[in-house]
Protein backbone atom coordinates (compact mmCIF):
# COMPACT_ATOMS: atom_id res chain seq x y z
CA MET A 1 0.12 -0.39 0.00
CA SER A 2 0.92 3.39 -0.52
CA ASP A 3 1.55 6.03 2.38
CA ALA A 4 -1.87 7.65 1.13
CA VAL A 5 -3.73 4.96 2.36
CA ASP A 6 -5.85 5.39 5.16
CA PRO A 7 -4.15 3.74 8.22
CA SER A 8 -7.06 2.09 9.14
CA TYR A 9 -6.10 -0.37 6.72
CA ARG A 10 -2.96 -1.09 8.34
CA TRP A 11 -1.87 -3.18 11.23
CA ASN A 12 0.41 -0.83 13.23
CA GLY A 13 3.47 -2.60 12.53
CA ALA A 14 5.40 0.68 12.69
CA GLU A 15 4.66 1.00 16.55
CA LEU A 16 5.76 -2.61 17.34
CA ASP A 17 8.95 -3.16 19.16
CA LEU A 18 9.61 -6.30 16.90
CA ASP A 19 12.85 -7.33 18.44
CA ALA A 20 11.13 -7.41 21.59
CA TYR A 21 8.33 -9.31 20.29
CA LEU A 22 10.62 -11.83 18.64
CA ALA A 23 12.51 -12.17 22.10
CA ARG A 24 9.26 -12.62 23.75
CA ILE A 25 8.30 -15.69 21.89
CA GLY A 26 11.70 -16.93 21.28
CA TYR A 27 12.07 -16.60 17.76
CA ASP A 28 15.32 -16.13 16.41
CA GLY A 29 15.06 -17.22 12.76
CA GLU A 30 15.08 -15.24 9.38
CA ARG A 31 12.83 -12.25 9.02
CA THR A 32 11.96 -12.58 5.82
CA PRO A 33 8.23 -13.06 4.25
CA THR A 34 8.83 -16.86 3.54
CA LEU A 35 6.75 -19.79 4.50
CA ALA A 36 9.55 -21.15 6.78
CA THR A 37 9.40 -17.69 8.78
CA LEU A 38 5.75 -17.89 8.83
CA ARG A 39 5.58 -21.59 10.28
CA GLY A 40 8.59 -20.44 12.96
CA LEU A 41 6.37 -17.52 14.06
CA VAL A 42 3.34 -19.29 14.30
CA TYR A 43 4.76 -21.90 16.44
CA ALA A 44 6.81 -19.97 18.78
CA HIS A 45 3.58 -17.52 19.10
CA THR A 46 1.24 -20.09 19.88
CA THR A 47 3.49 -22.33 22.30
CA THR A 48 4.65 -19.02 24.37
CA ILE A 49 1.57 -16.38 24.76
CA PRO A 50 -1.35 -17.86 26.71
CA PHE A 51 -4.81 -17.30 25.85
CA GLU A 52 -6.42 -15.47 28.65
CA ASN A 53 -9.60 -13.19 29.06
CA LEU A 54 -8.45 -12.10 32.95
CA GLU A 55 -8.60 -8.31 32.13
CA ILE A 56 -12.57 -8.72 31.74
CA ILE A 57 -12.92 -10.51 34.85
CA LEU A 58 -11.19 -8.30 36.92
CA GLY A 59 -13.40 -5.46 35.64
CA ARG A 60 -11.25 -3.73 33.22
CA GLY A 61 -11.62 -3.17 29.68
CA VAL A 62 -9.68 -4.85 26.71
CA PRO A 63 -7.91 -1.85 24.59
CA LEU A 64 -6.47 -2.97 21.29
CA ASP A 65 -3.98 -0.08 20.65
CA MET A 66 -0.26 -1.43 20.10
CA GLU A 67 1.09 0.07 23.16
CA SER A 68 -1.55 -1.54 25.48
CA LEU A 69 -1.01 -4.73 23.38
CA GLN A 70 2.90 -4.66 23.88
CA ASP A 71 2.85 -3.85 27.63
CA LYS A 72 0.35 -6.61 28.33
CA LEU A 73 1.56 -9.57 25.99
CA ILE A 74 5.17 -8.30 25.26
CA ARG A 75 6.80 -6.66 28.50
CA ARG A 76 4.56 -8.74 31.13
CA PRO A 77 4.14 -12.41 31.20
CA ARG A 78 0.73 -12.18 30.43
CA GLY A 79 -1.42 -13.34 27.45
CA GLY A 80 -4.86 -12.47 25.86
CA TYR A 81 -7.53 -13.61 23.72
CA CYS A 82 -7.61 -13.71 19.79
CA TYR A 83 -8.02 -9.89 19.16
CA GLU A 84 -5.24 -9.18 21.12
CA GLN A 85 -3.06 -11.98 19.93
CA VAL A 86 -3.68 -11.29 16.20
CA GLY A 87 -3.42 -7.37 16.74
CA VAL A 88 0.41 -8.33 17.87
CA PHE A 89 0.95 -11.02 15.45
CA ALA A 90 -0.53 -9.02 12.13
CA ALA A 91 1.86 -5.85 13.31
CA ALA A 92 4.89 -8.24 13.25
CA LEU A 93 3.58 -9.76 9.89
CA GLU A 94 3.40 -6.52 8.58
CA ARG A 95 6.98 -5.41 9.75
CA LEU A 96 8.40 -8.45 7.99
CA GLY A 97 6.67 -7.71 4.46
CA PHE A 98 3.86 -10.46 4.60
CA GLU A 99 0.86 -9.84 2.41
CA PHE A 100 -2.28 -10.58 4.68
CA THR A 101 -5.82 -9.85 5.62
CA GLY A 102 -7.70 -10.61 8.47
CA ILE A 103 -10.75 -12.71 8.47
CA SER A 104 -13.32 -13.64 11.01
CA GLY A 105 -14.82 -17.06 12.19
CA ARG A 106 -17.90 -18.43 13.72
CA VAL A 107 -16.60 -20.65 16.79
CA VAL A 108 -19.02 -23.68 16.97
CA MET A 109 -17.65 -26.25 19.36
CA GLY A 110 -20.92 -28.51 19.53
CA ALA A 111 -22.89 -25.27 19.78
CA HIS A 112 -26.24 -25.10 17.53
CA GLY A 113 -27.61 -22.32 15.62
CA LEU A 114 -25.96 -19.41 14.08
CA LEU A 115 -23.61 -17.80 16.09
CA PRO A 116 -21.73 -14.53 15.66
CA ALA A 117 -18.57 -14.32 13.91
CA THR A 118 -16.00 -13.18 16.92
CA HIS A 119 -12.80 -15.11 16.31
CA ALA A 120 -10.10 -13.12 14.49
CA LEU A 121 -7.88 -15.24 12.15
CA LEU A 122 -5.42 -13.96 9.54
CA ARG A 123 -5.40 -15.08 5.75
CA VAL A 124 -1.58 -14.88 4.78
CA ARG A 125 0.54 -15.32 1.58
CA THR A 126 4.48 -15.73 1.49
CA ALA A 127 6.82 -14.90 -1.27
CA ASP A 128 7.93 -18.12 -1.84
CA ASP A 129 4.69 -20.15 -1.95
CA PRO A 130 1.58 -20.11 -4.25
CA HIS A 131 -1.13 -20.80 -1.53
CA ALA A 132 -2.97 -18.77 0.90
CA TRP A 133 -2.55 -19.84 4.61
CA LEU A 134 -4.80 -20.17 7.37
CA VAL A 135 -3.08 -18.37 10.40
CA ASP A 136 -4.72 -19.02 14.01
CA VAL A 137 -2.35 -17.72 16.67
CA GLY A 138 -5.21 -16.60 18.94
CA PHE A 139 -7.56 -19.53 19.77
CA GLY A 140 -5.47 -20.72 22.56
CA ALA A 141 -5.36 -24.28 21.31
CA GLY A 142 -3.16 -24.10 17.97
CA PRO A 143 -2.78 -25.12 15.56
CA LEU A 144 1.14 -25.21 15.56
CA GLU A 145 1.55 -24.32 11.91
CA PRO A 146 -0.26 -22.36 9.32
CA VAL A 147 -2.99 -24.47 7.45
CA ALA A 148 -2.89 -24.27 3.55
CA LEU A 149 -6.41 -23.17 2.59
CA THR A 150 -6.74 -26.39 0.01
CA ALA A 151 -10.05 -27.91 -0.78
CA GLY A 152 -10.63 -31.53 -0.02
CA ARG A 153 -7.38 -32.20 2.32
CA GLY A 154 -9.22 -34.35 4.63
CA GLU A 155 -7.54 -35.06 7.76
CA PHE A 156 -4.12 -33.81 8.68
CA ALA A 157 -1.62 -33.52 11.67
CA LEU A 158 0.23 -30.53 12.69
CA GLY A 159 2.86 -32.01 15.29
CA ALA A 160 0.94 -34.54 17.26
CA TRP A 161 -2.68 -32.45 16.85
CA ARG A 162 -5.04 -33.97 14.22
CA PHE A 163 -7.14 -31.61 11.93
CA GLU A 164 -9.60 -31.61 9.22
CA LEU A 165 -10.62 -28.67 6.86
CA ASP A 166 -13.22 -28.69 4.35
CA LEU A 167 -14.73 -25.94 1.73
CA ALA A 168 -18.53 -25.78 1.25
CA TYR A 169 -20.43 -23.32 -0.74
CA GLY A 170 -23.32 -20.95 0.49
CA PRO A 171 -26.51 -20.40 -1.41
CA VAL A 172 -25.08 -17.78 -3.53
CA GLY A 173 -21.73 -19.49 -3.93
CA GLU A 174 -20.10 -17.83 -1.20
CA GLU A 175 -17.02 -20.17 0.30
CA GLU A 176 -17.32 -21.24 3.63
CA TRP A 177 -14.75 -23.21 5.33
CA THR A 178 -14.91 -25.60 8.37
CA LEU A 179 -11.95 -26.50 10.66
CA ARG A 180 -12.38 -29.41 12.63
CA GLN A 181 -10.09 -30.88 15.27
CA PHE A 182 -10.06 -34.43 17.29
CA GLY A 183 -10.17 -34.23 20.85
CA ARG A 184 -12.19 -35.99 23.65
CA ASP A 185 -15.34 -36.26 21.89
CA GLY A 186 -13.82 -37.27 18.41
CA TRP A 187 -14.10 -34.82 15.58
CA ILE A 188 -15.75 -31.67 16.37
CA ASP A 189 -16.44 -28.29 14.25
CA ARG A 190 -14.12 -25.71 15.51
CA TYR A 191 -15.44 -22.78 13.54
CA THR A 192 -16.45 -21.78 10.03
CA PHE A 193 -15.17 -18.81 8.31
CA THR A 194 -15.20 -16.96 4.95
CA VAL A 195 -12.23 -15.07 3.56
CA ASN A 196 -14.15 -11.61 3.61
CA PRO A 197 -11.45 -9.26 4.69
CA GLN A 198 -11.74 -7.68 7.93
CA TYR A 199 -9.66 -4.69 9.37
CA ARG A 200 -8.80 -3.40 12.77
CA ILE A 201 -11.71 -1.30 13.33
CA ASP A 202 -13.87 -4.73 12.50
CA TYR A 203 -11.98 -6.63 15.38
CA VAL A 204 -12.75 -3.52 17.83
CA VAL A 205 -16.30 -4.23 17.19
CA GLY A 206 -15.97 -7.91 17.59
CA SER A 207 -13.69 -7.61 20.88
CA HIS A 208 -16.51 -4.85 22.46
CA TYR A 209 -19.13 -7.54 21.78
CA VAL A 210 -17.08 -10.45 23.29
CA ALA A 211 -15.98 -8.19 26.55
CA THR A 212 -19.73 -6.77 27.18
CA ALA A 213 -22.18 -8.46 25.76
CA PRO A 214 -24.57 -10.53 28.24
CA ARG A 215 -24.41 -13.85 26.08
CA SER A 216 -20.69 -13.66 25.68
CA PRO A 217 -18.90 -16.64 27.83
CA PHE A 218 -15.74 -14.55 28.11
CA ASN A 219 -17.47 -11.99 30.79
CA GLN A 220 -18.85 -14.97 33.08
CA ARG A 221 -15.70 -16.59 34.39
CA PRO A 222 -11.82 -17.05 33.91
CA PHE A 223 -11.19 -18.81 30.60
CA VAL A 224 -7.47 -19.33 30.20
CA GLN A 225 -5.31 -21.63 27.98
CA ARG A 226 -1.82 -22.95 27.48
CA PHE A 227 -0.84 -24.67 24.09
CA LEU A 228 2.01 -27.05 23.98
CA PRO A 229 3.37 -29.79 21.40
CA ALA A 230 2.32 -32.58 23.90
CA ALA A 231 -0.51 -30.95 25.93
CA HIS A 232 -3.26 -28.29 25.95
CA HIS A 233 -3.82 -26.75 29.45
CA VAL A 234 -7.36 -24.81 30.00
CA LEU A 235 -8.66 -23.17 32.80
CA ASP A 236 -12.41 -22.92 32.88
CA ASP A 237 -13.86 -21.34 35.80
CA THR A 238 -11.92 -23.60 38.54
CA THR A 239 -11.74 -26.47 36.26
CA TRP A 240 -8.32 -27.25 35.26
CA THR A 241 -8.15 -29.58 32.41
CA THR A 242 -5.28 -30.91 30.52
CA ALA A 243 -5.86 -32.74 27.30
CA TYR A 244 -3.86 -34.55 24.96
CA PRO A 245 -3.49 -35.15 21.35
CA ASP A 246 -4.91 -38.76 21.54
CA GLY A 247 -7.96 -37.38 22.95
CA THR A 248 -7.43 -38.27 26.53
CA GLU A 249 -7.79 -35.55 29.60
CA GLU A 250 -6.96 -35.28 32.93
CA VAL A 251 -9.10 -32.96 35.23
CA ARG A 252 -8.89 -31.36 38.54
CA GLU A 253 -11.18 -28.97 40.42
CA LEU A 254 -9.47 -26.12 41.98
CA GLU A 255 -10.03 -24.04 45.10
CA VAL A 256 -10.30 -20.29 44.09
CA ALA A 257 -7.38 -19.57 46.49
CA GLU A 258 -5.18 -21.90 44.08
CA LEU A 259 -5.90 -19.80 40.95
CA PRO A 260 -2.69 -17.19 41.02
CA LYS A 261 -0.13 -19.99 41.81
CA VAL A 262 -1.75 -22.32 39.05
CA LEU A 263 -2.03 -19.07 36.70
CA ALA A 264 1.64 -18.53 37.35
CA GLU A 265 3.14 -22.02 37.20
CA VAL A 266 1.16 -23.57 34.57
CA PHE A 267 -0.06 -21.04 32.36
CA ASP A 268 2.58 -18.60 32.53
CA ILE A 269 0.49 -15.70 33.77
CA GLU A 270 1.73 -13.69 36.37
CA LEU A 271 -0.74 -11.17 38.24
CA ASP A 272 0.34 -8.91 41.06
CA ALA A 273 -0.95 -8.75 44.49
CA ALA A 274 -4.08 -6.65 43.66
CA ASP A 275 -5.13 -8.48 41.12
CA SER A 276 -4.32 -11.79 42.61
CA ALA A 277 -6.70 -10.93 45.50
CA ARG A 278 -9.35 -9.47 43.33
CA LEU A 279 -9.32 -12.70 41.54
CA VAL A 280 -9.48 -14.87 44.72
CA ARG A 281 -12.45 -13.07 45.93
CA ALA A 282 -14.14 -14.81 42.94
CA GLU A 283 -16.64 -11.89 42.34
CA TRP A 284 -17.01 -13.17 38.55
CA PRO A 285 -20.92 -13.72 37.58
CA ALA A 286 -20.45 -17.66 37.49
CA ALA A 287 -18.71 -17.51 40.82
CA VAL A 288 -21.40 -15.45 42.42
CA ALA A 289 -24.19 -17.96 40.94
CA LYS A 290 -22.38 -20.59 42.51
CA ARG A 291 -22.56 -18.76 45.95
CA ALA A 292 -26.21 -17.93 45.56
CA ARG A 293 -27.38 -21.72 45.11
């Protein structure tokens, strides 16, 4: 794009401290817009920066400006949900010269009926490969690598984790992709998505809905994830689940007082004393509802 293009179409790459970001995720490879670089960045980001909604639970907003994102996800041992994570990753891709657009997905995970498109994704092209690639660094559960947007792929593995990608067509011929994943209940639709371009302002709107809508699950209880090559840790309210690529799981119920310690030791999220105390008071809606029973 030329310098005359409305900056709303850009991804704040000039504001990103690229060296600090790459150090945060432990990436020390090439800084060229190639497929190898993209794979390295996706792997490093998804296995380093956790997914979390704790700012909402702690009664604060979720700003998406680059300074706020860098302070939280890069300078501090914290994480973020999809809009925050994609904001940082897109800025890095822009700095490194990749061609990409934002896209949005409708998370399914066994739900019925039409749900809003509230999951931020990226569609990326590299300088040395003809494919378009789906990049999902903000779901909290991988994939560990970009996924080629190729119809008819069937089942494939990224690391030890199994996925399927299908392409269907809507009533006026529009493309609708579905990413499936293998887990405890076998194969399940993770989300559907189209490749209609999304921009930062679209993600601001989506983030506001996720953070504030009464029906949003993310303002009801803590939801935190840490994804690793051989294990996926999930904290849902006070239930800590560790899922493995073969579909098996280990589940433990925590006391609220244990949350700050588990967040630090398992999820690599360190809260200060004030936020730890506030979390332990268990004032989020799901906890209040439990106490009222």
